Protein backbone atom coordinates (compact mmCIF):
# COMPACT_ATOMS: atom_id res chain seq x y z
CA UNK A 1 50.86 1.16 -10.62
CA UNK A 2 50.57 4.79 -11.75
CA UNK A 3 50.47 7.73 -9.36
CA UNK A 4 46.98 8.63 -10.59
CA UNK A 5 45.61 5.18 -9.73
CA UNK A 6 47.36 5.28 -6.36
CA UNK A 7 45.65 8.62 -5.59
CA UNK A 8 42.27 7.07 -6.36
CA UNK A 9 43.01 4.03 -4.19
CA UNK A 10 44.28 6.16 -1.31
CA UNK A 11 41.16 8.36 -1.29
CA UNK A 12 38.80 5.41 -1.41
CA UNK A 13 40.66 3.34 1.16
CA UNK A 14 40.34 6.28 3.54
CA UNK A 15 36.67 6.71 2.63
CA UNK A 16 35.95 3.03 3.22
CA UNK A 17 37.74 2.91 6.59
CA UNK A 18 35.98 6.04 7.83
CA UNK A 19 32.54 4.86 6.72
CA UNK A 20 33.09 1.44 8.22
CA UNK A 21 33.98 2.98 11.58
CA UNK A 22 30.78 5.08 11.54
CA UNK A 23 28.66 1.98 10.96
CA UNK A 24 30.60 -0.07 13.50
CA UNK A 25 30.11 2.57 16.19
CA UNK A 26 26.36 2.52 15.51
CA UNK A 27 26.30 -1.26 16.00
CA UNK A 28 28.42 -0.92 19.14
CA UNK A 29 27.02 2.08 20.96
CA UNK A 30 23.44 2.32 19.67
CA UNK A 31 22.47 -1.28 18.96
CA UNK A 32 24.78 -2.87 21.55
CA UNK A 33 25.05 -5.83 19.19
CA UNK A 34 27.91 -8.26 19.73
CA UNK A 35 27.21 -10.06 16.46
CA UNK A 36 27.12 -6.99 14.25
CA UNK A 37 30.15 -5.47 15.97
CA UNK A 38 32.09 -8.68 15.45
CA UNK A 39 31.16 -8.91 11.78
CA UNK A 40 32.01 -5.27 11.13
CA UNK A 41 35.31 -5.51 12.99
CA UNK A 42 36.16 -8.60 10.95
CA UNK A 43 35.34 -6.71 7.77
CA UNK A 44 37.51 -3.78 8.87
CA UNK A 45 40.51 -6.03 9.49
CA UNK A 46 39.96 -7.86 6.19
CA UNK A 47 39.89 -4.51 4.39
CA UNK A 48 43.15 -3.52 6.06
CA UNK A 49 44.68 -6.77 4.89
CA UNK A 50 43.67 -6.44 1.26
CA UNK A 51 44.67 -2.77 1.01
CA UNK A 52 48.04 -3.29 2.74
CA UNK A 53 49.60 -4.04 -0.65
CA UNK A 54 49.21 -0.44 -1.81
CA UNK A 55 48.47 1.92 1.11
CA UNK A 56 52.09 2.74 1.89
CA UNK A 57 52.82 3.71 -1.71
CA UNK A 58 49.45 5.39 -2.20
CA UNK A 59 49.85 7.80 0.69
CA UNK A 60 52.94 9.23 -1.00
CA UNK A 61 50.74 10.41 -3.86
CA UNK A 62 48.16 12.07 -1.63
CA UNK A 63 47.60 15.75 -2.46
CA UNK A 64 44.81 17.06 -0.26
CA UNK A 65 45.42 20.79 -1.03
CA UNK A 66 45.39 20.05 -4.76
CA UNK A 67 42.33 17.80 -4.71
CA UNK A 68 39.53 19.68 -6.49
CA UNK A 69 36.93 17.40 -4.86
CA UNK A 70 37.58 18.73 -1.36
CA UNK A 71 36.02 22.10 -2.21
CA UNK A 72 32.86 20.71 -3.83
CA UNK A 73 30.02 20.28 -1.32
CA UNK A 74 26.28 19.80 -1.63
CA UNK A 75 23.84 20.95 1.08
CA UNK A 76 22.92 17.36 1.95
CA UNK A 77 26.55 16.54 2.77
CA UNK A 78 26.62 19.17 5.50
CA UNK A 79 23.49 18.04 7.35
CA UNK A 80 22.12 14.80 8.78
CA UNK A 81 18.53 14.67 10.03
CA UNK A 82 19.07 11.83 12.51
CA UNK A 83 20.98 8.61 13.15
CA UNK A 84 19.17 6.95 10.25
CA UNK A 85 20.73 9.48 7.89
CA UNK A 86 24.16 9.10 9.47
CA UNK A 87 24.23 5.31 9.19
CA UNK A 88 22.57 5.12 5.78
CA UNK A 89 24.98 7.67 4.28
CA UNK A 90 27.97 5.86 5.75
CA UNK A 91 26.78 2.53 4.38
CA UNK A 92 26.33 3.89 0.88
CA UNK A 93 29.70 5.61 1.06
CA UNK A 94 31.36 2.34 2.08
CA UNK A 95 29.77 0.37 -0.77
CA UNK A 96 30.81 2.99 -3.31
CA UNK A 97 34.39 3.15 -2.00
CA UNK A 98 34.77 -0.63 -2.10
CA UNK A 99 33.47 -0.72 -5.66
CA UNK A 100 35.93 1.98 -6.73
CA UNK A 101 38.86 0.16 -5.10
CA UNK A 102 37.79 -3.07 -6.79
CA UNK A 103 37.50 -1.52 -10.26
CA UNK A 104 40.85 0.28 -10.15
CA UNK A 105 42.65 -2.77 -8.77
CA UNK A 106 41.40 -4.75 -11.77
CA UNK A 107 43.87 -2.75 -13.93
CA UNK A 108 46.96 -4.06 -12.10
CA UNK A 109 46.03 -6.57 -9.36
CA UNK A 110 42.96 -8.57 -10.35
CA UNK A 111 43.50 -11.08 -7.53
CA UNK A 112 43.20 -8.27 -4.97
CA UNK A 113 40.19 -6.87 -6.85
CA UNK A 114 38.49 -10.24 -6.37
CA UNK A 115 39.14 -10.06 -2.63
CA UNK A 116 37.59 -6.59 -2.44
CA UNK A 117 34.55 -7.83 -4.36
CA UNK A 118 34.01 -10.50 -1.67
CA UNK A 119 34.28 -7.83 1.05
CA UNK A 120 31.68 -5.74 -0.78
CA UNK A 121 29.23 -8.65 -0.79
CA UNK A 122 29.92 -9.31 2.89
CA UNK A 123 29.01 -5.73 3.65
CA UNK A 124 25.79 -5.88 1.61
CA UNK A 125 24.55 -8.60 3.97
CA UNK A 126 25.52 -6.55 7.04
CA UNK A 127 23.92 -3.44 5.53
CA UNK A 128 20.60 -5.28 5.19
CA UNK A 129 20.73 -6.39 8.83
CA UNK A 130 21.42 -2.83 9.94
CA UNK A 131 18.67 -1.44 7.69
CA UNK A 132 16.09 -3.40 9.71
CA UNK A 133 16.99 -1.34 12.76
CA UNK A 134 16.39 2.00 11.06
CA UNK A 135 12.97 3.62 11.14
CA UNK A 136 11.14 6.12 8.97
CA UNK A 137 7.89 6.00 10.95
CA UNK A 138 6.07 9.35 10.81
CA UNK A 139 4.74 8.93 14.36
CA UNK A 140 7.43 8.73 16.99
CA UNK A 141 6.72 6.83 20.19
CA UNK A 142 9.31 8.70 22.20
CA UNK A 143 6.65 10.88 23.88
CA UNK A 144 4.07 8.11 24.38
CA UNK A 145 3.28 7.37 28.03
CA UNK A 146 -0.12 5.68 28.21
CA UNK A 147 -0.80 2.86 25.74
CA UNK A 148 -4.31 1.40 26.01
CA UNK A 149 -5.35 -1.97 24.56
CA UNK A 150 -8.96 -2.32 23.40
CA UNK A 151 -10.71 -5.69 23.73
CA UNK A 152 -14.49 -5.53 23.52
CA UNK A 153 -15.14 -8.29 26.07
CA UNK A 154 -13.33 -6.27 28.75
CA UNK A 155 -15.04 -2.95 28.01
CA UNK A 156 -17.84 -1.73 30.29
CA UNK A 157 -19.19 0.42 27.45
CA UNK A 158 -19.14 0.16 23.63
CA UNK A 159 -15.53 -0.51 22.58
CA UNK A 160 -15.10 2.51 20.30
CA UNK A 161 -16.59 4.79 22.94
CA UNK A 162 -14.18 3.31 25.49
CA UNK A 163 -11.27 4.04 23.14
CA UNK A 164 -12.36 7.66 22.73
CA UNK A 165 -12.81 8.11 26.48
CA UNK A 166 -9.32 6.69 27.06
CA UNK A 167 -7.93 9.24 24.60
CA UNK A 168 -9.76 12.05 26.40
CA UNK A 169 -8.15 10.79 29.60
CA UNK A 170 -4.70 11.14 28.08
CA UNK A 171 -3.96 7.86 26.27
CA UNK A 172 -1.59 8.61 23.40
CA UNK A 173 -1.51 5.17 21.77
CA UNK A 174 -4.42 2.76 21.24
CA UNK A 175 -4.09 -0.88 20.23
CA UNK A 176 -6.93 -2.99 18.86
CA UNK A 177 -6.50 -6.46 20.39
CA UNK A 178 -9.19 -8.90 19.30
CA UNK A 179 -8.22 -12.57 19.06
CA UNK A 180 -11.61 -14.16 18.46
CA UNK A 181 -13.44 -12.23 15.74
CA UNK A 182 -13.37 -12.94 12.01
CA UNK A 183 -11.09 -11.03 9.69
CA UNK A 184 -13.79 -8.99 7.96
CA UNK A 185 -15.13 -7.69 11.27
CA UNK A 186 -11.60 -7.04 12.53
CA UNK A 187 -10.84 -4.96 9.44
CA UNK A 188 -14.02 -2.98 9.92
CA UNK A 189 -13.12 -2.22 13.53
CA UNK A 190 -9.51 -1.43 12.63
CA UNK A 191 -10.69 1.20 10.16
CA UNK A 192 -12.98 2.74 12.75
CA UNK A 193 -10.20 2.85 15.34
CA UNK A 194 -7.68 4.25 12.88
CA UNK A 195 -10.09 7.04 11.95
CA UNK A 196 -10.70 7.84 15.62
CA UNK A 197 -7.00 7.93 16.45
CA UNK A 198 -6.23 10.12 13.47
CA UNK A 199 -8.89 12.57 14.62
CA UNK A 200 -7.07 13.02 17.94
CA UNK A 201 -3.53 12.60 16.59
CA UNK A 202 -2.68 9.50 18.62
CA UNK A 203 -1.06 6.31 17.35
CA UNK A 204 -3.21 3.37 16.23
CA UNK A 205 -1.78 -0.15 16.51
CA UNK A 206 -3.26 -3.49 15.43
CA UNK A 207 -2.38 -6.59 17.41
CA UNK A 208 -0.90 -9.60 15.56
CA UNK A 209 -2.16 -8.76 12.06
CA UNK A 210 0.13 -6.83 9.70
CA UNK A 211 -2.38 -7.41 6.87
CA UNK A 212 -5.15 -5.70 8.84
CA UNK A 213 -2.79 -2.88 9.84
CA UNK A 214 -1.95 -2.25 6.19
CA UNK A 215 -5.52 -2.49 4.91
CA UNK A 216 -6.86 -0.17 7.61
CA UNK A 217 -3.88 2.21 7.25
CA UNK A 218 -3.21 1.97 10.98
CA UNK A 219 0.02 3.46 12.22
CA UNK A 220 1.49 0.09 13.06
CA UNK A 221 1.27 -3.49 14.25
CA UNK A 222 2.31 -5.32 17.42
CA UNK A 223 3.45 -8.94 17.41
CA UNK A 224 4.33 -11.44 20.12
CA UNK A 225 7.05 -14.04 20.31
CA UNK A 226 4.71 -16.71 18.91
CA UNK A 227 3.35 -14.59 16.06
CA UNK A 228 4.93 -13.87 12.68
CA UNK A 229 8.67 -13.16 13.13
CA UNK A 230 9.33 -9.46 13.58
CA UNK A 231 11.84 -9.27 10.72
CA UNK A 232 9.28 -10.76 8.33
CA UNK A 233 6.63 -8.33 9.55
CA UNK A 234 9.03 -5.45 8.92
CA UNK A 235 9.42 -6.63 5.33
CA UNK A 236 5.64 -6.64 4.92
CA UNK A 237 4.90 -3.25 6.46
CA UNK A 238 8.03 -1.40 5.34
CA UNK A 239 9.76 1.34 7.30
CA UNK A 240 6.85 3.78 7.47
CA UNK A 241 4.72 1.76 9.85
CA UNK A 242 5.38 1.24 13.55
CA UNK A 243 6.46 -2.24 14.64
CA UNK A 244 6.11 -3.31 18.27
CA UNK A 245 7.35 -6.63 19.66
CA UNK A 246 6.50 -8.30 22.97
CA UNK A 247 9.55 -9.43 24.97
CA UNK A 248 10.04 -11.33 28.21
CA UNK A 249 13.83 -11.65 28.40
CA UNK A 250 16.73 -9.34 27.59
CA UNK A 251 17.85 -11.61 24.74
CA UNK A 252 14.44 -11.18 23.10
CA UNK A 253 14.64 -7.42 23.59
CA UNK A 254 18.03 -7.17 21.90
CA UNK A 255 16.85 -9.38 19.04
CA UNK A 256 13.74 -7.23 18.59
CA UNK A 257 15.97 -4.19 18.08
CA UNK A 258 17.96 -6.04 15.41
CA UNK A 259 14.75 -7.28 13.77
CA UNK A 260 13.52 -3.72 13.29
CA UNK A 261 11.19 -3.04 16.23
CA UNK A 262 10.32 0.60 16.86
CA UNK A 263 9.39 -0.24 20.45
CA UNK A 264 9.19 -3.31 22.66
CA UNK A 265 6.59 -4.52 25.11
CA UNK A 266 8.20 -5.46 28.43
CA UNK A 267 6.47 -7.96 30.63
CA UNK A 268 4.51 -9.45 32.05
CA UNK A 269 5.06 -7.04 34.92
CA UNK A 270 2.45 -8.55 37.23
CA UNK A 271 -0.22 -11.24 37.10
CA UNK A 272 -3.06 -10.34 34.78
CA UNK A 273 -6.55 -11.73 34.31
CA UNK A 274 -6.59 -10.31 30.77
CA UNK A 275 -3.78 -12.61 29.61
CA UNK A 276 -2.83 -15.21 32.25
CA UNK A 277 0.75 -16.53 32.03
CA UNK A 278 2.72 -19.12 33.92
CA UNK A 279 5.66 -16.75 34.46
CA UNK A 280 6.31 -13.14 35.49
CA UNK A 281 9.22 -11.16 34.04
CA UNK A 282 8.54 -8.46 36.62
CA UNK A 283 10.19 -5.16 37.49
CA UNK A 284 13.66 -6.76 37.51
CA UNK A 285 13.42 -7.34 33.75
CA UNK A 286 12.05 -3.83 33.23
CA UNK A 287 15.08 -2.39 35.04
CA UNK A 288 17.40 -4.39 32.80
CA UNK A 289 15.67 -3.06 29.68
CA UNK A 290 15.76 0.52 30.94
CA UNK A 291 19.54 0.27 31.31
CA UNK A 292 20.44 -1.48 28.08
CA UNK A 293 17.81 -0.99 25.34
CA UNK A 294 17.81 2.23 23.32
CA UNK A 295 14.37 2.07 21.66
CA UNK A 296 11.15 2.93 23.53
CA UNK A 297 9.96 0.26 25.98
CA UNK A 298 6.38 -0.16 27.20
CA UNK A 299 5.73 -2.11 30.39
CA UNK A 300 2.66 -4.33 30.23
CA UNK A 301 0.43 -6.77 32.16
CA UNK A 302 -1.36 -6.27 35.43
CA UNK A 303 -0.45 -2.59 35.72
CA UNK A 304 -2.88 -0.51 37.78
CA UNK A 305 -3.02 2.83 39.49
CA UNK A 306 -1.94 1.05 42.68
CA UNK A 307 1.27 -0.53 41.32
CA UNK A 308 2.32 1.78 38.46
CA UNK A 309 4.84 3.47 40.77
CA UNK A 310 6.75 0.16 40.93
CA UNK A 311 7.04 0.27 37.15
CA UNK A 312 8.17 3.90 37.10
CA UNK A 313 10.86 3.05 39.65
CA UNK A 314 12.47 0.68 37.12
CA UNK A 315 13.21 3.55 34.75
CA UNK A 316 10.42 2.71 32.29
CA UNK A 317 7.77 5.42 32.15
CA UNK A 318 5.56 4.04 29.37
CA UNK A 319 2.85 1.57 30.34
CA UNK A 320 0.26 -0.48 28.45
CA UNK A 321 -3.00 -1.27 30.20
CA UNK A 322 -6.33 -2.92 29.46
CA UNK A 323 -8.68 -3.72 32.33
CA UNK A 324 -7.43 -0.94 34.61
CA UNK A 325 -8.77 1.60 32.09
CA UNK A 326 -11.36 0.13 29.71
CA UNK A 327 -12.70 -2.21 32.39
CA UNK A 328 -13.78 0.78 34.49
CA UNK A 329 -17.08 2.64 34.38
CA UNK A 330 -15.15 5.91 34.32
CA UNK A 331 -12.66 5.17 31.54
CA UNK A 332 -11.60 8.79 31.17
CA UNK A 333 -10.97 9.21 34.88
CA UNK A 334 -8.98 5.97 35.12
CA UNK A 335 -6.77 7.00 32.21
CA UNK A 336 -6.31 10.49 33.62
CA UNK A 337 -5.22 9.20 37.03
CA UNK A 338 -2.64 6.91 35.44
CA UNK A 339 -1.35 9.78 33.30
CA UNK A 340 -1.01 11.97 36.37
CA UNK A 341 1.27 9.37 37.92
CA UNK A 342 3.26 8.88 34.71
CA UNK A 343 3.83 12.63 34.30
CA UNK A 344 4.41 13.44 37.97
């Protein structure tokens, strides 16, 4: 094998190892995913095995001071906007490095080139799984505190008026949750709500229906465990819409992150007449989420001005409410009092 080829292999073996470590650390420290970490570690060891046939010779041909490529930089190489950029760039770098190793090995060791090709395809599958966890949503939920669900049957006043009053009281995310109206009426209401939310620069979310969210140009959609699978919804809505997922156990929360959720609903916190359930996840589950889940978490079900302090004590400061705001005569005042507790 020529010294020139060995230089190429050395540079790309280094590039592949470094990129793989960046992606693996994201899976380990950000996603806290045993499965992804295991698959990436396995890929890293397999790469070490297939490159072991040339790395010791290749390093002897390394000439970093004489490498013209080390002095060529583009502005985008020197800056990363966020973790999405970091992980995406590393993934692309890894794929490119593996392809280069594969092509150059074809000139002398085609059997090893075939092994690298298989590693490249293994990574493509992992890259897709990681891509689900990245978000390009224009509205970030990191600052959201009060998330209000709108169901007409619970409102004391016209539903759209109740939504606007909730926003005036401080609500910074509004979800349209109507289970029993036909699709044409739901779309009409979704468009009205989306327009209202855009006027006040708050997030608009549609419950259960990604098709309605897309047609109304809402900011996102929220699905439950019995609705369309979150990963399929992410494929439908893309990365520029918000995806929320209801969770009741820590395993569901971790899976929601891997499926591409931008935030998770955490509950039920308490008993609720709005959506009766035969189980309560409670504050204990909320505490577990606060300690181990990196994306925004919104506590939900039965939360009122009287018990919201119990939620805050878990470490979760975002709450979703229905009756305790829109079921009041003074919607604005009810929302404001909750916000005062959440911001205290």
